Amino acid sequence: MKYKVHRIDVNRDNIQDKLEQFLNKLNGEVLAVFPNVKPTFQLMGATSKVDFLLIVEKINGGY
């Protein structure tokens, strides 16, 4: 089996659209989606932010 890891840079305004467009273009099977969450500090207090997504794809036909 062969696997490929893709990285998609996102922000809070476009995360859903970018992920949907990317998933619709894939030929293989999606095994996992990992968000890279990093803590940020703002005037209101601590929060978090997603910078990018890692998507693990199982490529069909690979051995």
C-alpha atoms as a PDB file:
ATOM      1  CA  MET A   1       0.000   0.000   0.000  1.00  0.00           C
ATOM      2  CA  LYS A   2       1.127   3.527  -0.709  1.00  0.00           C
ATOM      3  CA  TYR A   3       0.211   6.626   1.225  1.00  0.00           C
ATOM      4  CA  LYS A   4       0.562  10.300   0.498  1.00  0.00           C
ATOM      5  CA  VAL A   5       0.378  13.174   2.980  1.00  0.00           C
ATOM      6  CA  HIS A   6      -0.972  16.483   1.707  1.00  0.00           C
ATOM      7  CA  ARG A   7      -0.751  19.871   3.405  1.00  0.00           C
ATOM      8  CA  ILE A   8      -3.406  22.567   2.965  1.00  0.00           C
ATOM      9  CA  ASP A   9      -2.788  26.051   4.363  1.00  0.00           C
ATOM     10  CA  VAL A  10      -6.029  27.454   5.771  1.00  0.00           C
ATOM     11  CA  ASN A  11      -7.438  30.197   7.922  1.00  0.00           C
ATOM     12  CA  ARG A  12     -10.714  30.472   9.796  1.00  0.00           C
ATOM     13  CA  ASP A  13     -12.474  32.144   6.866  1.00  0.00           C
ATOM     14  CA  ASN A  14     -11.725  29.518   4.207  1.00  0.00           C
ATOM     15  CA  ILE A  15     -11.096  26.223   6.000  1.00  0.00           C
ATOM     16  CA  GLN A  16     -14.370  24.559   4.985  1.00  0.00           C
ATOM     17  CA  ASP A  17     -14.236  25.597   1.327  1.00  0.00           C
ATOM     18  CA  LYS A  18     -10.579  24.631   0.864  1.00  0.00           C
ATOM     19  CA  LEU A  19     -11.055  21.234   2.516  1.00  0.00           C
ATOM     20  CA  GLU A  20     -14.184  20.469   0.487  1.00  0.00           C
ATOM     21  CA  GLN A  21     -12.509  21.418  -2.808  1.00  0.00           C
ATOM     22  CA  PHE A  22      -9.427  19.369  -1.992  1.00  0.00           C
ATOM     23  CA  LEU A  23     -11.351  16.251  -0.923  1.00  0.00           C
ATOM     24  CA  ASN A  24     -13.451  16.310  -4.105  1.00  0.00           C
ATOM     25  CA  LYS A  25     -10.261  16.218  -6.235  1.00  0.00           C
ATOM     26  CA  LEU A  26      -8.693  13.180  -4.540  1.00  0.00           C
ATOM     27  CA  ASN A  27      -8.603   9.811  -6.283  1.00  0.00           C
ATOM     28  CA  GLY A  28      -7.621   7.717  -3.265  1.00  0.00           C
ATOM     29  CA  GLU A  29      -9.209   7.060   0.105  1.00  0.00           C
ATOM     30  CA  VAL A  30      -8.882   9.605   2.932  1.00  0.00           C
ATOM     31  CA  LEU A  31      -7.559   7.919   6.067  1.00  0.00           C
ATOM     32  CA  ALA A  32      -7.173  10.923   8.380  1.00  0.00           C
ATOM     33  CA  VAL A  33      -7.301  14.701   8.612  1.00  0.00           C
ATOM     34  CA  PHE A  34      -5.021  16.295  11.197  1.00  0.00           C
ATOM     35  CA  PRO A  35      -5.378  19.995  12.045  1.00  0.00           C
ATOM     36  CA  ASN A  36      -2.268  21.840  13.195  1.00  0.00           C
ATOM     37  CA  VAL A  37      -3.646  23.763  16.172  1.00  0.00           C
ATOM     38  CA  LYS A  38      -1.441  26.355  17.801  1.00  0.00           C
ATOM     39  CA  PRO A  39      -2.262  28.443  20.855  1.00  0.00           C
ATOM     40  CA  THR A  40      -2.535  32.208  20.464  1.00  0.00           C
ATOM     41  CA  PHE A  41      -3.012  34.967  22.985  1.00  0.00           C
ATOM     42  CA  GLN A  42      -5.291  37.916  22.376  1.00  0.00           C
ATOM     43  CA  LEU A  43      -6.699  40.738  24.482  1.00  0.00           C
ATOM     44  CA  MET A  44      -9.657  38.549  25.497  1.00  0.00           C
ATOM     45  CA  GLY A  45      -7.362  35.745  26.655  1.00  0.00           C
ATOM     46  CA  ALA A  46      -5.947  32.531  25.312  1.00  0.00           C
ATOM     47  CA  THR A  47      -7.439  30.894  22.242  1.00  0.00           C
ATOM     48  CA  SER A  48      -6.255  28.631  19.423  1.00  0.00           C
ATOM     49  CA  LYS A  49      -5.832  28.828  15.675  1.00  0.00           C
ATOM     50  CA  VAL A  50      -5.625  26.245  12.866  1.00  0.00           C
ATOM     51  CA  ASP A  51      -2.755  27.070  10.483  1.00  0.00           C
ATOM     52  CA  PHE A  52      -2.896  24.073   8.176  1.00  0.00           C
ATOM     53  CA  LEU A  53      -4.377  20.617   7.704  1.00  0.00           C
ATOM     54  CA  LEU A  54      -2.505  17.401   7.007  1.00  0.00           C
ATOM     55  CA  ILE A  55      -4.520  14.878   5.004  1.00  0.00           C
ATOM     56  CA  VAL A  56      -3.411  11.242   4.735  1.00  0.00           C
ATOM     57  CA  GLU A  57      -4.486   9.595   1.482  1.00  0.00           C
ATOM     58  CA  LYS A  58      -4.293   5.875   0.687  1.00  0.00           C
ATOM     59  CA  ILE A  59      -3.455   5.612  -2.996  1.00  0.00           C
ATOM     60  CA  ASN A  60      -5.488   2.990  -4.839  1.00  0.00           C
ATOM     61  CA  GLY A  61      -3.629   0.203  -6.587  1.00  0.00           C
ATOM     62  CA  GLY A  62      -0.332   0.732  -4.800  1.00  0.00           C
ATOM     63  CA  TYR A  63       1.484  -2.217  -3.182  1.00  0.00           C
END
